[in-house]
């Protein structure tokens, strides 16, 4: 039976760190970068995370093309 360990930082914190280091990104690229750290994070959970951060005023998402978004950190 595999042992699950607790992460030292929550997913939203890692997401904000990635945006701070790399700047604005497409949502698919951001999901891939976040998925390296959190293997069990699904795209639905990722969208919920983006929604909570956008409502909280931490990030801004803009629509690029059909099904693609640009995610940027609000400073």
C-alpha atoms as a PDB file:
ATOM      1  CA  UNK A   1       0.000   0.000   0.000  1.00  0.00           C
ATOM      2  CA  UNK A   2       1.549   3.331  -1.057  1.00  0.00           C
ATOM      3  CA  UNK A   3       2.126   5.919   1.606  1.00  0.00           C
ATOM      4  CA  UNK A   4       0.743   9.365   0.905  1.00  0.00           C
ATOM      5  CA  UNK A   5       2.634  12.288   2.327  1.00  0.00           C
ATOM      6  CA  UNK A   6       1.343  15.742   3.077  1.00  0.00           C
ATOM      7  CA  UNK A   7       2.566  18.544   0.860  1.00  0.00           C
ATOM      8  CA  UNK A   8       4.307  21.423   2.618  1.00  0.00           C
ATOM      9  CA  UNK A   9       2.477  24.025   0.510  1.00  0.00           C
ATOM     10  CA  UNK A  10      -1.127  23.949  -0.679  1.00  0.00           C
ATOM     11  CA  UNK A  11      -1.864  23.891  -4.413  1.00  0.00           C
ATOM     12  CA  UNK A  12      -2.972  27.531  -4.574  1.00  0.00           C
ATOM     13  CA  UNK A  13       0.342  28.668  -3.073  1.00  0.00           C
ATOM     14  CA  UNK A  14       2.360  26.660  -5.617  1.00  0.00           C
ATOM     15  CA  UNK A  15       0.175  28.024  -8.436  1.00  0.00           C
ATOM     16  CA  UNK A  16       0.841  31.607  -7.304  1.00  0.00           C
ATOM     17  CA  UNK A  17       4.583  30.865  -7.036  1.00  0.00           C
ATOM     18  CA  UNK A  18       4.657  29.536 -10.606  1.00  0.00           C
ATOM     19  CA  UNK A  19       2.883  32.643 -11.915  1.00  0.00           C
ATOM     20  CA  UNK A  20       5.227  34.895  -9.964  1.00  0.00           C
ATOM     21  CA  UNK A  21       8.315  33.197 -11.401  1.00  0.00           C
ATOM     22  CA  UNK A  22       7.181  32.712 -15.016  1.00  0.00           C
ATOM     23  CA  UNK A  23       4.663  35.521 -15.498  1.00  0.00           C
ATOM     24  CA  UNK A  24       1.378  35.154 -17.388  1.00  0.00           C
ATOM     25  CA  UNK A  25       0.764  31.700 -18.875  1.00  0.00           C
ATOM     26  CA  UNK A  26      -1.844  29.751 -20.797  1.00  0.00           C
ATOM     27  CA  UNK A  27      -4.044  27.596 -18.587  1.00  0.00           C
ATOM     28  CA  UNK A  28      -2.809  24.322 -20.133  1.00  0.00           C
ATOM     29  CA  UNK A  29       0.836  25.235 -19.483  1.00  0.00           C
ATOM     30  CA  UNK A  30       0.017  26.247 -15.918  1.00  0.00           C
ATOM     31  CA  UNK A  31      -1.872  22.986 -15.359  1.00  0.00           C
ATOM     32  CA  UNK A  32       1.122  20.965 -16.575  1.00  0.00           C
ATOM     33  CA  UNK A  33       3.507  22.894 -14.315  1.00  0.00           C
ATOM     34  CA  UNK A  34       1.206  22.443 -11.315  1.00  0.00           C
ATOM     35  CA  UNK A  35       0.639  18.779 -12.166  1.00  0.00           C
ATOM     36  CA  UNK A  36       4.371  18.092 -11.778  1.00  0.00           C
ATOM     37  CA  UNK A  37       4.023  18.882  -8.075  1.00  0.00           C
ATOM     38  CA  UNK A  38       0.485  17.575  -7.516  1.00  0.00           C
ATOM     39  CA  UNK A  39       0.040  14.370  -9.544  1.00  0.00           C
ATOM     40  CA  UNK A  40      -3.503  13.708  -8.307  1.00  0.00           C
ATOM     41  CA  UNK A  41      -4.853  17.147  -9.259  1.00  0.00           C
ATOM     42  CA  UNK A  42      -7.482  16.876 -11.983  1.00  0.00           C
ATOM     43  CA  UNK A  43      -8.484  19.563 -14.481  1.00  0.00           C
ATOM     44  CA  UNK A  44     -11.793  20.087 -12.656  1.00  0.00           C
ATOM     45  CA  UNK A  45      -9.918  20.756  -9.395  1.00  0.00           C
ATOM     46  CA  UNK A  46      -7.566  23.069 -11.284  1.00  0.00           C
ATOM     47  CA  UNK A  47     -10.511  25.087 -12.642  1.00  0.00           C
ATOM     48  CA  UNK A  48     -11.987  25.352  -9.129  1.00  0.00           C
ATOM     49  CA  UNK A  49      -8.635  26.575  -7.873  1.00  0.00           C
ATOM     50  CA  UNK A  50      -8.463  29.214 -10.613  1.00  0.00           C
ATOM     51  CA  UNK A  51     -12.014  30.325  -9.854  1.00  0.00           C
ATOM     52  CA  UNK A  52     -11.322  30.724  -6.124  1.00  0.00           C
ATOM     53  CA  UNK A  53      -8.140  32.698  -6.767  1.00  0.00           C
ATOM     54  CA  UNK A  54      -9.904  34.926  -9.292  1.00  0.00           C
ATOM     55  CA  UNK A  55     -12.778  35.624  -6.907  1.00  0.00           C
ATOM     56  CA  UNK A  56     -10.217  36.343  -4.184  1.00  0.00           C
ATOM     57  CA  UNK A  57      -8.552  38.939  -6.425  1.00  0.00           C
ATOM     58  CA  UNK A  58      -5.201  37.152  -6.712  1.00  0.00           C
ATOM     59  CA  UNK A  59      -5.277  36.281 -10.437  1.00  0.00           C
ATOM     60  CA  UNK A  60      -6.998  37.384 -13.631  1.00  0.00           C
ATOM     61  CA  UNK A  61      -8.066  35.084 -16.435  1.00  0.00           C
ATOM     62  CA  UNK A  62      -8.822  36.259 -19.944  1.00  0.00           C
ATOM     63  CA  UNK A  63     -10.168  34.249 -22.835  1.00  0.00           C
ATOM     64  CA  UNK A  64      -7.771  33.808 -25.764  1.00  0.00           C
ATOM     65  CA  UNK A  65      -9.450  31.384 -28.126  1.00  0.00           C
ATOM     66  CA  UNK A  66     -12.072  28.738 -27.810  1.00  0.00           C
ATOM     67  CA  UNK A  67     -11.160  26.688 -24.725  1.00  0.00           C
ATOM     68  CA  UNK A  68      -7.925  28.577 -24.021  1.00  0.00           C
ATOM     69  CA  UNK A  69      -7.320  31.117 -21.280  1.00  0.00           C
ATOM     70  CA  UNK A  70      -4.488  33.370 -20.206  1.00  0.00           C
ATOM     71  CA  UNK A  71      -3.825  33.409 -16.471  1.00  0.00           C
ATOM     72  CA  UNK A  72      -1.910  36.283 -14.907  1.00  0.00           C
ATOM     73  CA  UNK A  73      -1.022  37.327 -11.401  1.00  0.00           C
ATOM     74  CA  UNK A  74      -2.492  40.594 -10.118  1.00  0.00           C
ATOM     75  CA  UNK A  75       0.157  42.714  -8.434  1.00  0.00           C
END
